[in-house]
C-alpha atoms as a PDB file:
ATOM      1  CA  MET A   1     -44.399  79.132 145.378  1.00  0.00           C
ATOM      2  CA  ALA A   2     -43.037  77.346 148.347  1.00  0.00           C
ATOM      3  CA  ASP A   3     -43.440  73.872 146.808  1.00  0.00           C
ATOM      4  CA  VAL A   4     -41.260  74.180 143.800  1.00  0.00           C
ATOM      5  CA  PRO A   5     -37.572  73.374 143.412  1.00  0.00           C
ATOM      6  CA  ALA A   6     -36.445  76.850 142.897  1.00  0.00           C
ATOM      7  CA  ALA A   7     -37.903  77.937 146.105  1.00  0.00           C
ATOM      8  CA  ASN A   8     -36.057  74.966 147.879  1.00  0.00           C
ATOM      9  CA  ASN A   9     -32.513  75.705 146.525  1.00  0.00           C
ATOM     10  CA  TYR A  10     -33.290  73.364 143.609  1.00  0.00           C
ATOM     11  CA  ASP A  11     -33.541  70.384 145.758  1.00  0.00           C
ATOM     12  CA  GLY A  12     -36.236  67.910 144.536  1.00  0.00           C
ATOM     13  CA  GLY A  13     -37.766  68.105 140.942  1.00  0.00           C
ATOM     14  CA  PHE A  14     -36.057  66.490 137.779  1.00  0.00           C
ATOM     15  CA  MET A  15     -32.545  66.237 138.404  1.00  0.00           C
ATOM     16  CA  ILE A  16     -29.620  67.688 136.303  1.00  0.00           C
ATOM     17  CA  ARG A  17     -27.951  63.935 135.907  1.00  0.00           C
ATOM     18  CA  LEU A  18     -31.263  62.834 134.389  1.00  0.00           C
ATOM     19  CA  ILE A  19     -31.922  65.408 131.876  1.00  0.00           C
ATOM     20  CA  LEU A  20     -28.376  65.261 130.821  1.00  0.00           C
ATOM     21  CA  LYS A  21     -28.881  61.236 130.194  1.00  0.00           C
ATOM     22  CA  ASP A  22     -31.831  62.171 128.278  1.00  0.00           C
ATOM     23  CA  LEU A  23     -30.127  65.003 126.089  1.00  0.00           C
ATOM     24  CA  GLY A  24     -27.428  62.406 125.586  1.00  0.00           C
ATOM     25  CA  LEU A  25     -29.868  59.806 124.366  1.00  0.00           C
ATOM     26  CA  ALA A  26     -31.461  62.496 122.018  1.00  0.00           C
ATOM     27  CA  LEU A  27     -28.027  63.387 120.556  1.00  0.00           C
ATOM     28  CA  GLU A  28     -27.311  59.875 119.746  1.00  0.00           C
ATOM     29  CA  ALA A  29     -30.854  59.455 118.034  1.00  0.00           C
ATOM     30  CA  ALA A  30     -30.154  62.782 115.964  1.00  0.00           C
ATOM     31  CA  LYS A  31     -26.521  61.476 114.973  1.00  0.00           C
ATOM     32  CA  SER A  32     -28.147  57.990 113.837  1.00  0.00           C
ATOM     33  CA  ALA A  33     -30.638  60.128 111.770  1.00  0.00           C
ATOM     34  CA  ASP A  34     -27.867  62.483 110.410  1.00  0.00           C
ATOM     35  CA  ALA A  35     -29.981  65.113 112.031  1.00  0.00           C
ATOM     36  CA  ILE A  36     -28.714  68.840 112.929  1.00  0.00           C
ATOM     37  CA  SER A  37     -29.165  69.207 116.664  1.00  0.00           C
ATOM     38  CA  GLU A  38     -26.681  72.005 117.694  1.00  0.00           C
ATOM     39  CA  GLU A  39     -29.045  73.578 120.329  1.00  0.00           C
ATOM     40  CA  THR A  40     -29.369  70.130 121.926  1.00  0.00           C
ATOM     41  CA  ALA A  41     -25.768  69.744 122.033  1.00  0.00           C
ATOM     42  CA  ARG A  42     -25.252  73.186 123.541  1.00  0.00           C
ATOM     43  CA  ALA A  43     -27.958  72.215 126.274  1.00  0.00           C
ATOM     44  CA  TYR A  44     -26.045  69.152 126.863  1.00  0.00           C
ATOM     45  CA  GLU A  45     -22.830  70.964 127.335  1.00  0.00           C
ATOM     46  CA  MET A  46     -24.411  73.051 129.812  1.00  0.00           C
ATOM     47  CA  TYR A  47     -25.862  70.385 132.048  1.00  0.00           C
ATOM     48  CA  ALA A  48     -22.752  68.203 131.639  1.00  0.00           C
ATOM     49  CA  ARG A  49     -20.834  71.475 133.161  1.00  0.00           C
ATOM     50  CA  LEU A  50     -23.460  71.677 136.116  1.00  0.00           C
ATOM     51  CA  ASP A  51     -23.009  68.092 136.704  1.00  0.00           C
ATOM     52  CA  ALA A  52     -19.186  68.400 136.658  1.00  0.00           C
ATOM     53  CA  LEU A  53     -19.494  71.217 139.137  1.00  0.00           C
ATOM     54  CA  GLY A  54     -21.522  68.889 141.617  1.00  0.00           C
ATOM     55  CA  TYR A  55     -24.990  69.711 140.947  1.00  0.00           C
ATOM     56  CA  GLY A  56     -26.157  66.576 139.292  1.00  0.00           C
ATOM     57  CA  ASP A  57     -28.519  66.025 142.148  1.00  0.00           C
ATOM     58  CA  LYS A  58     -30.407  69.395 141.716  1.00  0.00           C
ATOM     59  CA  ASP A  59     -33.336  70.180 139.691  1.00  0.00           C
ATOM     60  CA  PHE A  60     -32.716  70.990 136.006  1.00  0.00           C
ATOM     61  CA  GLY A  61     -34.162  74.652 136.452  1.00  0.00           C
ATOM     62  CA  LEU A  62     -30.688  75.366 138.080  1.00  0.00           C
ATOM     63  CA  VAL A  63     -29.567  76.093 134.489  1.00  0.00           C
ATOM     64  CA  TYR A  64     -31.432  79.348 134.792  1.00  0.00           C
ATOM     65  CA  GLN A  65     -29.091  80.510 137.632  1.00  0.00           C
ATOM     66  CA  TYR A  66     -26.083  79.111 135.731  1.00  0.00           C
ATOM     67  CA  ILE A  67     -27.101  81.384 132.714  1.00  0.00           C
ATOM     68  CA  LEU A  68     -27.878  84.407 134.687  1.00  0.00           C
ATOM     69  CA  ASN A  69     -24.683  84.358 136.376  1.00  0.00           C
ATOM     70  CA  GLY A  70     -22.714  84.288 133.200  1.00  0.00           C
ATOM     71  CA  TYR A  71     -22.268  80.684 132.773  1.00  0.00           C
ATOM     72  CA  ASN A  72     -20.783  80.275 136.026  1.00  0.00           C
ATOM     73  CA  LEU A  73     -21.524  78.745 139.502  1.00  0.00           C
ATOM     74  CA  PRO A  74     -19.233  77.720 142.095  1.00  0.00           C
ATOM     75  CA  GLN A  75     -18.009  74.263 142.466  1.00  0.00           C
ATOM     76  CA  LYS A  76     -19.991  72.373 145.195  1.00  0.00           C
END
């Protein structure tokens, strides 16, 4: 489909830096409720790595390529 971020180099869509913010808020809420959130923390770590590599403005679906490539993408 030509109009989806994955077909456009992951430009457009919901940015990684925004999902990172939301995951951070979810982790804070879980911590305040003494809840276990291991998978949320793992997702946060993956998106934080993508953001640190310079992909913060890309669509959050880029995480699929990150996983597919053995948790490795080049620095931007």
